[in-house]
Protein backbone atom coordinates (compact mmCIF):
# COMPACT_ATOMS: atom_id res chain seq x y z
CA UNK A 1 161.40 -91.11 -34.28
CA UNK A 2 158.52 -93.36 -35.26
CA UNK A 3 154.88 -93.34 -36.37
CA UNK A 4 152.61 -95.59 -34.38
CA UNK A 5 149.09 -96.38 -33.20
CA UNK A 6 148.09 -96.40 -29.51
CA UNK A 7 146.74 -99.85 -28.61
CA UNK A 8 146.27 -99.53 -24.84
CA UNK A 9 146.76 -97.12 -21.96
CA UNK A 10 147.45 -97.91 -18.29
CA UNK A 11 148.10 -95.51 -15.40
CA UNK A 12 150.89 -96.75 -13.11
CA UNK A 13 151.58 -94.44 -10.17
CA UNK A 14 152.79 -91.05 -11.42
CA UNK A 15 153.15 -92.24 -15.04
CA UNK A 16 151.00 -93.53 -17.87
CA UNK A 17 152.14 -96.49 -19.97
CA UNK A 18 151.00 -96.63 -23.58
CA UNK A 19 151.28 -99.78 -25.68
CA UNK A 20 152.17 -98.64 -29.19
CA UNK A 21 152.11 -100.51 -32.51
CA UNK A 22 155.07 -99.21 -34.52
CA UNK A 23 154.00 -98.50 -38.11
CA UNK A 24 157.03 -96.68 -39.54
CA UNK A 25 160.51 -95.74 -38.31
CA UNK A 26 162.17 -92.56 -39.50
CA UNK A 27 165.56 -92.84 -37.82
CA UNK A 28 167.34 -96.13 -37.36
CA UNK A 29 169.37 -95.15 -34.26
CA UNK A 30 167.66 -97.59 -31.88
CA UNK A 31 166.20 -101.01 -32.66
CA UNK A 32 162.41 -101.12 -32.34
CA UNK A 33 160.06 -104.08 -32.44
CA UNK A 34 156.52 -104.03 -33.83
CA UNK A 35 155.12 -103.16 -30.37
CA UNK A 36 156.74 -100.85 -27.85
CA UNK A 37 155.82 -99.27 -24.51
CA UNK A 38 155.91 -95.51 -24.17
CA UNK A 39 156.04 -94.08 -20.61
CA UNK A 40 154.77 -90.52 -20.05
CA UNK A 41 154.71 -88.63 -16.71
CA UNK A 42 151.17 -87.68 -15.65
CA UNK A 43 152.36 -84.08 -15.13
CA UNK A 44 153.58 -83.80 -18.74
CA UNK A 45 152.20 -80.88 -20.75
CA UNK A 46 152.09 -83.13 -23.83
CA UNK A 47 148.95 -83.45 -25.98
CA UNK A 48 146.64 -86.25 -24.83
CA UNK A 49 147.19 -89.63 -26.50
CA UNK A 50 144.04 -91.63 -27.22
CA UNK A 51 143.64 -95.37 -27.71
CA UNK A 52 143.25 -96.13 -31.40
CA UNK A 53 144.84 -92.79 -32.33
CA UNK A 54 148.02 -92.31 -34.34
């Protein structure tokens, strides 16, 4: 679990890749670097992520 800011968004086939700046980590289970990629299927019912948003 982490808190981050969306830096960029790119649609690749059936998925969208978000470049995320990691601001805070809440669980230390997996190592994270200051920037990560988050892949989301285009058919996901998730709330929309906007560039510049947190």
